[in-house]
Amino acid sequence: MIWFEYGNETDHGDHFGNKITAAEYGRRYLEYRQAMKAVDPRIKLGVVLATLFPNLESCAPLAAWPCPVLEVTGANVDFVIHHSYLPGYGRNDGEPEAKELFRIALAGGDQIQEYYDDMRRLLRDKTGRDDILIAITEYNGHFVQQQPVPYRHCLGNALVIADMLRVFCNPANKIAMANFWLFANEYWGAVKGYVHKNDVLVKRPQYYVFELYAQHFGRELLAVKIDSPTYNTPGGYGVKPAGGTGQQFREFAVDILPDGPWKLSDLPGVEHKEKDGILEVEFTGQDVDYRHAQKYMQAEPIMGYHLIGQIKTELEGDGEGVCYEMSALGLDGTVIGSICSIKIGQTTDWTEVEAHIVTSQDTKRLRICPRRGVQKKPVKGKAYFRNVRIQKYLPRIFPAVSFISANASQSEDGRNYYLMIINKNLDQPIDTTISLAGLQPTHARAWMLTGPGPEATNETNSDNVKIREKVGRITKDKVTITLPPCSLTALEVDSR
């Protein structure tokens, strides 16, 4: 083994509130890289560049980890590591309903491609190199909930994963490998059941995506041109809005948070006060849900807001730490959406954290508060908060989403052609015509991954989502096939 990762999701800490700075990570990376290569010069050590999809545009202010890491390492990078999880959805109330959620989720593919375009520009700018490979050591749709069904195991997420694979295959991205998380069992498994327990093994919808690629895709990639109807989406859960011809990102580097003290309210087990611009929160040994210091400001709909603030802690017995929370509120004060910064546990220095949110059409105000959530363990000690500011930005709006996306390849002898086609229309089939650039098709077969709807799973009925075979229609130099709604189709075409 010569390929190693230096850390895992180090950009957001160790899941216990402990976090090192990007610059310190970069310095340690160089030390470990030098020591490991002294043992075996063939060793390649990977840099944790990003978990999820931080904004890389202009390197500031939202790329608080990737930019300073690369400024320290410079060109001394063997490869970089990214974890691709989109969207990020954790609600258990069934809102929004499944079709609306997956219309949003399926807008993510082109946005992931844009992210890797930005990453390649960042690597060129900071290292002077364009040969650095990307290793995607984890990817999946980040559906972390159970109700109404575990969406991570549904047909809609299978299509999300298929669209990710389309992006990962793009040679321009220079992606060395992509590791789906997770193959079997546990929380994320594509296959459910334990052989040693005599369980019946169940193939979940996401499993079939890889089966189709393994059995019905060629070795040489081909370019694809698509002419398809489109749809608009307001975005959400990490996916940016998409509609019309789109809109470019633009940030206004001015603090717009109104001056004034924190609005404090009582909470048993907590004492807090503000002095000289610093909010001091003392936890006295109970397990508390603290958000009892608040600031409010007016907000515009479909607008981005970027929170930046500093935290320092002296806590005992706390498993995760404290953070800042920014919530979008509707007209009646209802929380429409919330986002938290990273959580800070034990730290002796002020640590700058950030969070950003794009408001919905119904947003009227923002609420900002220091936050410590219930963790089923008592907490004792102090946390300090200062220098909170808010900057507004025009969010990136992507062009309207094509109902069809496709990946294409051919056999080594150039006689067989393969397409992976996603129909993102969750309600209607689409009659599709495929032309093979002047070649004459002689036979066409299709394998279609379909089910009753995007929320369909195989958790209780293993045949609910499955592959169905069909023959394509050939007319002169074209193949015509009807794509079922909410489906992935593997199409093989023989030609002469």
Protein backbone atom coordinates (compact mmCIF):
# COMPACT_ATOMS: atom_id res chain seq x y z
CA MET A 1 0.00 0.00 0.00
CA ILE A 2 1.43 3.36 -1.01
CA TRP A 3 -1.65 5.61 -1.07
CA PHE A 4 -2.60 7.15 2.28
CA GLU A 5 -4.98 9.84 3.54
CA TYR A 6 -3.72 12.32 6.09
CA GLY A 7 -6.74 12.51 8.39
CA ASN A 8 -10.45 12.12 7.74
CA GLU A 9 -12.82 15.08 7.34
CA THR A 10 -10.29 17.09 9.32
CA ASP A 11 -11.74 20.31 7.96
CA HIS A 12 -14.73 20.04 10.32
CA GLY A 13 -12.97 18.52 13.34
CA ASP A 14 -13.08 15.15 15.02
CA HIS A 15 -16.86 15.02 15.72
CA PHE A 16 -16.11 15.89 19.37
CA GLY A 17 -15.64 19.62 18.88
CA ASN A 18 -11.85 19.50 18.59
CA LYS A 19 -10.39 21.18 15.53
CA ILE A 20 -6.99 22.31 14.35
CA THR A 21 -6.47 25.27 12.07
CA ALA A 22 -6.00 24.87 8.34
CA ALA A 23 -2.49 26.27 8.54
CA GLU A 24 -1.51 23.83 11.30
CA TYR A 25 -2.95 20.94 9.30
CA GLY A 26 -0.88 22.03 6.30
CA ARG A 27 2.30 22.14 8.38
CA ARG A 28 1.65 18.72 9.87
CA TYR A 29 0.86 17.29 6.43
CA LEU A 30 4.27 18.39 5.13
CA GLU A 31 6.02 16.85 8.14
CA TYR A 32 4.24 13.49 7.77
CA ARG A 33 4.73 13.48 4.01
CA GLN A 34 8.46 14.03 4.36
CA ALA A 35 8.79 11.34 7.04
CA MET A 36 6.77 8.76 5.09
CA LYS A 37 8.63 9.35 1.83
CA ALA A 38 11.90 8.90 3.69
CA VAL A 39 10.74 5.33 4.42
CA ASP A 40 9.38 4.70 0.90
CA PRO A 41 9.61 7.42 -1.78
CA ARG A 42 6.75 5.78 -3.69
CA ILE A 43 4.27 6.73 -0.96
CA LYS A 44 1.57 9.23 -1.86
CA LEU A 45 -0.11 11.16 0.94
CA GLY A 46 -3.45 12.85 0.37
CA VAL A 47 -4.56 16.25 1.66
CA VAL A 48 -8.07 16.57 3.12
CA LEU A 49 -9.30 19.45 0.98
CA ALA A 50 -13.04 19.52 1.68
CA THR A 51 -16.02 17.68 3.14
CA LEU A 52 -19.25 18.51 1.31
CA PHE A 53 -19.18 21.60 -0.92
CA PRO A 54 -17.71 24.78 0.57
CA ASN A 55 -17.77 27.77 -1.73
CA LEU A 56 -14.39 28.01 -3.44
CA GLU A 57 -15.08 31.16 -5.44
CA SER A 58 -12.37 33.78 -4.88
CA CYS A 59 -11.09 31.73 -1.93
CA ALA A 60 -12.87 34.00 0.51
CA PRO A 61 -14.59 34.08 2.78
CA LEU A 62 -16.34 30.72 2.55
CA ALA A 63 -13.32 28.54 1.72
CA ALA A 64 -11.80 28.91 5.17
CA TRP A 65 -10.09 25.50 4.96
CA PRO A 66 -9.00 24.66 1.38
CA CYS A 67 -7.24 27.95 0.62
CA PRO A 68 -5.01 28.25 3.71
CA VAL A 69 -4.14 24.54 3.56
CA LEU A 70 -2.87 24.87 -0.01
CA GLU A 71 -1.12 28.14 0.78
CA VAL A 72 1.00 26.19 3.29
CA THR A 73 1.59 23.06 1.21
CA GLY A 74 2.13 24.79 -2.11
CA ALA A 75 3.06 22.33 -4.85
CA ASN A 76 4.04 19.63 -2.32
CA VAL A 77 0.76 17.74 -2.64
CA ASP A 78 0.45 14.15 -3.86
CA PHE A 79 -3.34 14.19 -4.25
CA VAL A 80 -6.34 15.84 -2.58
CA ILE A 81 -9.35 14.29 -0.86
CA HIS A 82 -13.00 15.26 -1.16
CA HIS A 83 -16.15 13.75 0.36
CA SER A 84 -19.16 14.27 -1.90
CA TYR A 85 -22.46 14.28 0.00
CA LEU A 86 -25.34 16.17 -1.57
CA PRO A 87 -27.99 17.07 -0.66
CA GLY A 88 -27.84 17.33 3.14
CA TYR A 89 -31.27 16.38 4.47
CA GLY A 90 -32.13 15.31 8.00
CA ARG A 91 -35.80 16.08 8.60
CA ASN A 92 -38.18 13.38 9.84
CA ASP A 93 -41.41 15.30 9.27
CA GLY A 94 -41.84 14.43 5.59
CA GLU A 95 -41.32 18.05 4.50
CA PRO A 96 -40.97 18.84 1.72
CA GLU A 97 -42.81 15.95 0.10
CA ALA A 98 -40.63 13.44 -1.71
CA LYS A 99 -41.09 14.69 -5.26
CA GLU A 100 -40.23 18.27 -4.33
CA LEU A 101 -37.21 17.11 -2.31
CA PHE A 102 -35.84 15.05 -5.19
CA ARG A 103 -36.46 17.77 -7.77
CA ILE A 104 -34.08 19.79 -5.61
CA ALA A 105 -31.67 16.89 -5.08
CA LEU A 106 -31.43 16.04 -8.79
CA ALA A 107 -30.35 19.59 -9.58
CA GLY A 108 -27.11 18.80 -7.76
CA GLY A 109 -25.22 16.96 -10.52
CA ASP A 110 -24.30 20.00 -12.60
CA GLN A 111 -23.49 21.91 -9.42
CA ILE A 112 -21.05 19.20 -8.37
CA GLN A 113 -19.39 19.54 -11.77
CA GLU A 114 -19.08 23.30 -11.23
CA TYR A 115 -17.51 22.61 -7.84
CA TYR A 116 -14.82 20.43 -9.39
CA ASP A 117 -14.21 23.12 -12.00
CA ASP A 118 -13.61 25.53 -9.11
CA MET A 119 -11.41 22.98 -7.34
CA ARG A 120 -9.21 22.55 -10.38
CA ARG A 121 -8.83 26.34 -10.68
CA LEU A 122 -7.97 26.53 -6.98
CA LEU A 123 -5.34 23.80 -7.31
CA ARG A 124 -3.76 25.59 -10.27
CA ASP A 125 -3.77 28.94 -8.48
CA LYS A 126 -2.32 27.68 -5.19
CA THR A 127 0.11 25.00 -6.38
CA GLY A 128 1.02 26.03 -9.92
CA ARG A 129 0.15 22.50 -11.02
CA ASP A 130 -2.67 20.98 -13.05
CA ASP A 131 -1.80 17.31 -12.56
CA ILE A 132 -2.98 16.86 -8.97
CA LEU A 133 -5.50 14.04 -8.75
CA ILE A 134 -8.69 14.13 -6.68
CA ALA A 135 -9.67 11.12 -4.55
CA ILE A 136 -13.33 11.00 -3.55
CA THR A 137 -12.98 8.66 -0.61
CA GLU A 138 -16.68 8.91 0.34
CA TYR A 139 -19.82 9.82 -1.57
CA ASN A 140 -23.57 9.34 -1.26
CA GLY A 141 -26.71 11.37 -0.93
CA HIS A 142 -26.62 12.70 2.64
CA PHE A 143 -30.10 11.67 3.76
CA VAL A 144 -29.73 11.19 7.51
CA GLN A 145 -33.30 10.42 8.60
CA GLN A 146 -35.77 7.56 8.89
CA GLN A 147 -39.23 9.04 8.26
CA PRO A 148 -41.30 8.70 6.18
CA VAL A 149 -38.72 6.28 4.73
CA PRO A 150 -34.91 6.28 4.88
CA TYR A 151 -34.36 8.30 1.71
CA ARG A 152 -30.72 7.16 1.50
CA HIS A 153 -32.14 3.76 0.43
CA CYS A 154 -34.75 5.00 -2.07
CA LEU A 155 -34.97 5.24 -5.84
CA GLY A 156 -34.52 9.02 -5.78
CA ASN A 157 -31.16 8.69 -4.07
CA ALA A 158 -30.13 6.00 -6.58
CA LEU A 159 -30.61 8.62 -9.31
CA VAL A 160 -28.64 11.17 -7.27
CA ILE A 161 -25.78 8.66 -7.08
CA ALA A 162 -26.00 7.89 -10.81
CA ASP A 163 -25.70 11.61 -11.58
CA MET A 164 -22.65 11.83 -9.31
CA LEU A 165 -21.03 8.97 -11.25
CA ARG A 166 -21.65 10.87 -14.49
CA VAL A 167 -19.68 13.80 -13.06
CA PHE A 168 -16.92 11.62 -11.60
CA CYS A 169 -16.35 10.08 -15.05
CA ASN A 170 -15.52 13.46 -16.60
CA PRO A 171 -11.80 13.26 -17.49
CA ALA A 172 -11.38 17.02 -16.97
CA ASN A 173 -11.96 16.53 -13.24
CA LYS A 174 -8.91 14.25 -12.90
CA ILE A 175 -10.64 12.05 -10.32
CA ALA A 176 -8.43 9.08 -9.49
CA MET A 177 -11.05 7.09 -7.60
CA ALA A 178 -14.48 7.39 -6.02
CA ASN A 179 -15.46 5.21 -3.07
CA PHE A 180 -19.21 4.81 -2.44
CA TRP A 181 -20.09 4.83 1.23
CA LEU A 182 -21.24 2.11 2.05
CA PHE A 183 -21.53 -1.29 0.34
CA ALA A 184 -23.28 -3.43 2.94
CA ASN A 185 -25.37 -3.02 6.08
CA GLU A 186 -24.77 -0.56 8.89
CA TYR A 187 -26.43 2.81 8.25
CA TRP A 188 -25.60 3.37 4.59
CA GLY A 189 -25.36 -0.10 3.08
CA ALA A 190 -26.41 -0.70 -0.52
CA VAL A 191 -27.04 -4.34 0.41
CA LYS A 192 -29.03 -5.30 3.51
CA GLY A 193 -28.67 -8.58 5.37
CA TYR A 194 -26.06 -10.78 7.05
CA VAL A 195 -25.20 -14.15 5.51
CA HIS A 196 -23.93 -15.55 8.81
CA LYS A 197 -27.35 -14.80 10.33
CA ASN A 198 -29.13 -16.55 7.44
CA ASP A 199 -30.72 -13.26 6.39
CA VAL A 200 -32.20 -12.92 2.93
CA LEU A 201 -29.97 -10.41 1.18
CA VAL A 202 -31.81 -7.40 -0.19
CA LYS A 203 -30.44 -5.24 -2.98
CA ARG A 204 -31.40 -1.65 -2.28
CA PRO A 205 -32.04 0.76 -5.19
CA GLN A 206 -28.56 2.30 -4.99
CA TYR A 207 -27.01 -1.14 -5.50
CA TYR A 208 -28.54 -1.43 -8.96
CA VAL A 209 -26.79 1.72 -10.17
CA PHE A 210 -23.46 -0.06 -9.82
CA GLU A 211 -24.84 -3.28 -11.30
CA LEU A 212 -25.95 -1.38 -14.41
CA TYR A 213 -22.56 0.31 -14.78
CA ALA A 214 -20.72 -2.97 -14.26
CA GLN A 215 -22.79 -4.89 -16.83
CA HIS A 216 -23.79 -2.29 -19.40
CA PHE A 217 -21.08 0.33 -19.80
CA GLY A 218 -17.99 0.45 -22.00
CA ARG A 219 -14.37 1.33 -21.37
CA GLU A 220 -13.98 4.42 -23.58
CA LEU A 221 -15.96 7.53 -22.72
CA LEU A 222 -17.79 9.53 -25.38
CA ALA A 223 -19.04 13.11 -25.44
CA VAL A 224 -22.81 13.61 -25.19
CA LYS A 225 -25.00 16.45 -26.44
CA ILE A 226 -28.45 16.71 -24.88
CA ASP A 227 -31.50 18.63 -26.02
CA SER A 228 -34.11 18.31 -23.27
CA PRO A 229 -36.89 20.24 -21.55
CA THR A 230 -35.84 21.86 -18.26
CA TYR A 231 -37.28 22.72 -14.86
CA ASN A 232 -36.61 25.34 -12.17
CA THR A 233 -35.98 24.66 -8.49
CA PRO A 234 -35.56 27.00 -5.50
CA GLY A 235 -32.75 24.83 -4.12
CA GLY A 236 -32.22 23.88 -0.51
CA TYR A 237 -30.36 21.36 1.66
CA GLY A 238 -27.02 22.36 0.16
CA VAL A 239 -28.27 22.51 -3.43
CA LYS A 240 -28.24 25.97 -4.97
CA PRO A 241 -31.26 27.41 -6.79
CA ALA A 242 -31.54 26.72 -10.51
CA GLY A 243 -33.66 28.52 -13.05
CA GLY A 244 -33.66 30.47 -16.30
CA THR A 245 -30.17 31.36 -17.47
CA GLY A 246 -28.74 31.50 -13.94
CA GLN A 247 -26.93 34.14 -11.86
CA GLN A 248 -23.29 34.54 -10.83
CA PHE A 249 -22.17 34.63 -7.19
CA ARG A 250 -21.36 38.06 -5.78
CA GLU A 251 -20.51 38.90 -2.17
CA PHE A 252 -20.72 42.28 -0.45
CA ALA A 253 -17.89 42.45 2.10
CA VAL A 254 -19.77 44.70 4.53
CA ASP A 255 -21.06 43.73 7.96
CA ILE A 256 -24.84 44.26 7.95
CA LEU A 257 -25.66 42.84 11.40
CA PRO A 258 -27.29 45.72 13.33
CA ASP A 259 -25.35 47.03 16.32
CA GLY A 260 -26.66 46.18 19.74
CA PRO A 261 -26.34 43.70 22.60
CA TRP A 262 -27.49 40.12 22.65
CA LYS A 263 -31.09 39.63 23.77
CA LEU A 264 -30.72 37.33 26.80
CA SER A 265 -33.38 35.07 28.32
CA ASP A 266 -33.22 32.76 31.33
CA LEU A 267 -32.46 29.03 31.15
CA PRO A 268 -31.96 26.83 34.23
CA GLY A 269 -28.42 25.51 34.33
CA VAL A 270 -26.95 28.48 32.47
CA GLU A 271 -25.68 31.89 33.51
CA HIS A 272 -24.74 34.38 30.80
CA LYS A 273 -23.71 38.00 30.47
CA GLU A 274 -22.19 40.35 27.93
CA LYS A 275 -19.24 42.61 28.68
CA ASP A 276 -16.93 44.59 26.40
CA GLY A 277 -18.37 42.92 23.31
CA ILE A 278 -17.86 39.38 24.61
CA LEU A 279 -20.76 37.08 25.50
CA GLU A 280 -19.79 34.80 28.37
CA VAL A 281 -21.94 31.69 28.86
CA GLU A 282 -21.40 29.55 31.95
CA PHE A 283 -22.84 26.02 32.07
CA THR A 284 -23.34 24.77 35.63
CA GLY A 285 -23.50 21.00 35.14
CA GLN A 286 -26.79 20.21 33.42
CA ASP A 287 -27.57 18.92 29.95
CA VAL A 288 -29.15 21.95 28.30
CA ASP A 289 -30.39 23.10 24.92
CA TYR A 290 -28.95 26.61 24.85
CA ARG A 291 -29.95 29.23 22.33
CA HIS A 292 -30.97 31.91 24.80
CA ALA A 293 -28.83 34.75 23.50
CA GLN A 294 -30.25 36.06 20.24
CA LYS A 295 -29.93 38.78 17.63
CA TYR A 296 -32.42 39.49 14.85
CA MET A 297 -32.20 41.27 11.52
CA GLN A 298 -34.35 41.79 8.46
CA ALA A 299 -33.66 39.46 5.53
CA GLU A 300 -34.44 39.40 1.83
CA PRO A 301 -35.85 36.35 0.03
CA ILE A 302 -33.56 34.28 -2.23
CA MET A 303 -30.51 35.98 -0.78
CA GLY A 304 -27.33 34.57 0.75
CA TYR A 305 -26.16 35.46 4.25
CA HIS A 306 -22.73 34.60 5.58
CA LEU A 307 -22.12 34.50 9.33
CA ILE A 308 -18.60 34.86 10.71
CA GLY A 309 -17.81 34.78 14.43
CA GLN A 310 -15.30 33.69 17.04
CA ILE A 311 -15.64 31.12 19.83
CA LYS A 312 -13.46 30.11 22.78
CA THR A 313 -14.38 27.41 25.33
CA GLU A 314 -13.44 26.05 28.75
CA LEU A 315 -15.84 23.11 28.95
CA GLU A 316 -15.89 19.85 30.88
CA GLY A 317 -17.85 16.74 29.95
CA ASP A 318 -19.18 18.13 26.67
CA GLY A 319 -19.13 15.72 23.75
CA GLU A 320 -19.55 18.16 20.89
CA GLY A 321 -19.07 21.75 21.99
CA VAL A 322 -20.84 24.96 20.99
CA CYS A 323 -21.45 26.78 17.73
CA TYR A 324 -23.33 29.63 16.07
CA GLU A 325 -26.76 28.97 14.60
CA MET A 326 -28.38 31.13 11.91
CA SER A 327 -32.08 30.59 11.20
CA ALA A 328 -34.36 31.98 8.49
CA LEU A 329 -37.75 33.02 9.88
CA GLY A 330 -41.09 33.48 8.15
CA LEU A 331 -43.65 36.21 8.72
CA ASP A 332 -45.04 34.58 11.88
CA GLY A 333 -41.60 33.73 13.26
CA THR A 334 -41.69 30.12 12.06
CA VAL A 335 -38.23 28.67 11.41
CA ILE A 336 -37.98 27.94 7.68
CA GLY A 337 -34.39 26.73 7.71
CA SER A 338 -31.32 26.73 9.95
CA ILE A 339 -27.60 26.26 9.53
CA CYS A 340 -24.89 25.86 12.17
CA SER A 341 -21.19 26.55 12.14
CA ILE A 342 -18.77 23.83 13.17
CA LYS A 343 -18.89 22.99 16.88
CA ILE A 344 -16.01 24.06 19.08
CA GLY A 345 -15.12 21.96 22.14
CA GLN A 346 -11.92 22.41 24.09
CA THR A 347 -9.83 25.27 22.77
CA THR A 348 -7.44 27.72 24.40
CA ASP A 349 -7.56 30.22 21.54
CA TRP A 350 -10.26 32.16 19.79
CA THR A 351 -11.40 30.12 16.79
CA GLU A 352 -13.16 31.73 13.85
CA VAL A 353 -16.10 29.80 12.48
CA GLU A 354 -18.67 30.48 9.79
CA ALA A 355 -22.00 29.43 8.37
CA HIS A 356 -24.04 30.53 5.40
CA ILE A 357 -27.66 30.24 4.38
CA VAL A 358 -29.67 31.06 1.26
CA THR A 359 -33.13 32.25 2.21
CA SER A 360 -36.37 30.98 0.71
CA GLN A 361 -39.08 33.05 -0.92
CA ASP A 362 -40.96 33.24 2.40
CA THR A 363 -38.07 34.47 4.58
CA LYS A 364 -38.60 37.75 6.46
CA ARG A 365 -35.93 37.78 9.21
CA LEU A 366 -32.77 36.07 10.41
CA ARG A 367 -32.12 34.91 13.96
CA ILE A 368 -28.52 34.50 15.11
CA CYS A 369 -27.66 32.74 18.36
CA PRO A 370 -24.83 30.89 20.08
CA ARG A 371 -25.94 27.27 20.37
CA ARG A 372 -25.34 24.19 22.45
CA GLY A 373 -27.75 21.31 21.81
CA VAL A 374 -28.90 18.54 24.15
CA GLN A 375 -26.33 15.73 24.12
CA LYS A 376 -27.52 13.43 26.93
CA LYS A 377 -24.59 14.43 29.10
CA PRO A 378 -24.07 17.32 31.49
CA VAL A 379 -21.78 20.18 30.64
CA LYS A 380 -19.83 22.44 32.96
CA GLY A 381 -17.60 25.38 32.22
CA LYS A 382 -17.63 28.49 30.08
CA ALA A 383 -17.94 29.40 26.43
CA TYR A 384 -17.18 32.81 24.96
CA PHE A 385 -18.52 34.42 21.77
CA ARG A 386 -17.38 37.61 20.04
CA ASN A 387 -16.98 39.47 16.73
CA VAL A 388 -20.16 38.16 15.12
CA ARG A 389 -20.87 39.70 11.74
CA ILE A 390 -23.10 39.03 8.76
CA GLN A 391 -22.27 39.63 5.10
CA LYS A 392 -24.83 39.46 2.33
CA TYR A 393 -24.20 37.86 -1.04
CA LEU A 394 -26.05 37.19 -4.25
CA PRO A 395 -26.20 33.39 -4.31
CA ARG A 396 -25.08 31.47 -7.33
CA ILE A 397 -28.17 30.48 -9.30
CA PHE A 398 -27.55 27.74 -11.83
CA PRO A 399 -29.34 27.50 -15.16
CA ALA A 400 -32.58 25.54 -15.27
CA VAL A 401 -32.13 21.78 -14.81
CA SER A 402 -32.30 19.46 -17.80
CA PHE A 403 -34.81 16.65 -17.26
CA ILE A 404 -32.34 14.29 -18.94
CA SER A 405 -28.70 13.71 -18.09
CA ALA A 406 -26.56 11.06 -19.72
CA ASN A 407 -23.16 9.38 -19.71
CA ALA A 408 -21.89 7.57 -22.83
CA SER A 409 -19.16 5.14 -23.77
CA GLN A 410 -18.16 2.63 -26.42
CA SER A 411 -16.51 -0.76 -26.64
CA GLU A 412 -12.84 -0.97 -27.53
CA ASP A 413 -13.63 -2.08 -31.08
CA GLY A 414 -16.03 0.85 -31.55
CA ARG A 415 -19.01 -1.34 -32.54
CA ASN A 416 -21.02 -1.23 -29.32
CA TYR A 417 -22.28 1.94 -27.65
CA TYR A 418 -23.55 2.38 -24.14
CA LEU A 419 -25.56 5.13 -22.47
CA MET A 420 -26.63 5.74 -18.88
CA ILE A 421 -29.67 8.01 -19.06
CA ILE A 422 -31.47 9.59 -16.09
CA ASN A 423 -35.03 10.83 -16.44
CA LYS A 424 -35.38 13.49 -13.72
CA ASN A 425 -39.01 14.08 -14.56
CA LEU A 426 -40.61 12.42 -11.56
CA ASP A 427 -44.13 12.44 -13.01
CA GLN A 428 -43.92 11.83 -16.77
CA PRO A 429 -42.16 9.44 -19.17
CA ILE A 430 -40.01 11.04 -21.86
CA ASP A 431 -39.81 9.78 -25.44
CA THR A 432 -36.14 10.00 -26.30
CA THR A 433 -34.31 9.74 -29.62
CA ILE A 434 -30.61 8.87 -29.72
CA SER A 435 -28.39 9.58 -32.71
CA LEU A 436 -24.94 7.98 -32.98
CA ALA A 437 -23.07 10.57 -35.06
CA GLY A 438 -23.59 9.02 -38.49
CA LEU A 439 -23.42 5.37 -37.46
CA GLN A 440 -26.15 2.87 -38.31
CA PRO A 441 -27.66 1.12 -35.24
CA THR A 442 -28.65 -2.51 -35.76
CA HIS A 443 -29.97 -3.50 -32.35
CA ALA A 444 -30.81 -1.73 -29.09
CA ARG A 445 -31.61 -3.12 -25.64
CA ALA A 446 -32.39 -1.22 -22.47
CA TRP A 447 -32.31 -2.06 -18.76
CA MET A 448 -34.43 0.36 -16.73
CA LEU A 449 -34.18 0.93 -12.98
CA THR A 450 -37.68 2.07 -11.97
CA GLY A 451 -40.17 2.01 -9.12
CA PRO A 452 -43.45 3.56 -7.96
CA GLY A 453 -41.84 6.93 -7.20
CA PRO A 454 -38.70 8.64 -5.91
CA GLU A 455 -39.47 7.62 -2.31
CA ALA A 456 -39.75 3.91 -3.23
CA THR A 457 -37.49 1.55 -1.27
CA ASN A 458 -36.92 -2.21 -1.08
CA GLU A 459 -36.92 -2.27 2.72
CA THR A 460 -40.15 -4.32 3.00
CA ASN A 461 -40.64 -5.42 -0.63
CA SER A 462 -37.42 -6.39 -2.37
CA ASP A 463 -39.05 -6.13 -5.83
CA ASN A 464 -40.44 -2.63 -5.34
CA VAL A 465 -37.51 -1.03 -7.15
CA LYS A 466 -35.90 -3.25 -9.76
CA ILE A 467 -34.48 -3.46 -13.28
CA ARG A 468 -36.82 -4.09 -16.19
CA GLU A 469 -35.55 -5.02 -19.66
CA LYS A 470 -36.88 -3.50 -22.89
CA VAL A 471 -36.00 -3.38 -26.60
CA GLY A 472 -35.37 -0.01 -28.23
CA ARG A 473 -36.98 1.03 -31.53
CA ILE A 474 -34.68 1.63 -34.51
CA THR A 475 -35.65 3.98 -37.33
CA LYS A 476 -33.02 4.61 -39.99
CA ASP A 477 -30.00 5.99 -38.10
CA LYS A 478 -31.72 6.63 -34.74
CA VAL A 479 -32.83 4.72 -31.65
CA THR A 480 -36.05 5.73 -29.91
CA ILE A 481 -36.97 4.68 -26.40
CA THR A 482 -39.44 5.82 -23.77
CA LEU A 483 -37.79 6.60 -20.46
CA PRO A 484 -40.05 5.89 -17.45
CA PRO A 485 -40.50 8.73 -14.97
CA CYS A 486 -37.90 8.82 -12.20
CA SER A 487 -35.62 6.24 -13.80
CA LEU A 488 -32.10 5.26 -14.75
CA THR A 489 -31.80 3.50 -18.12
CA ALA A 490 -28.76 1.58 -19.35
CA LEU A 491 -28.96 1.43 -23.15
CA GLU A 492 -26.74 -0.80 -25.32
CA VAL A 493 -26.67 -0.13 -29.05
CA ASP A 494 -24.96 -2.33 -31.64
CA SER A 495 -23.94 -0.66 -34.89
CA ARG A 496 -22.24 -1.28 -38.16
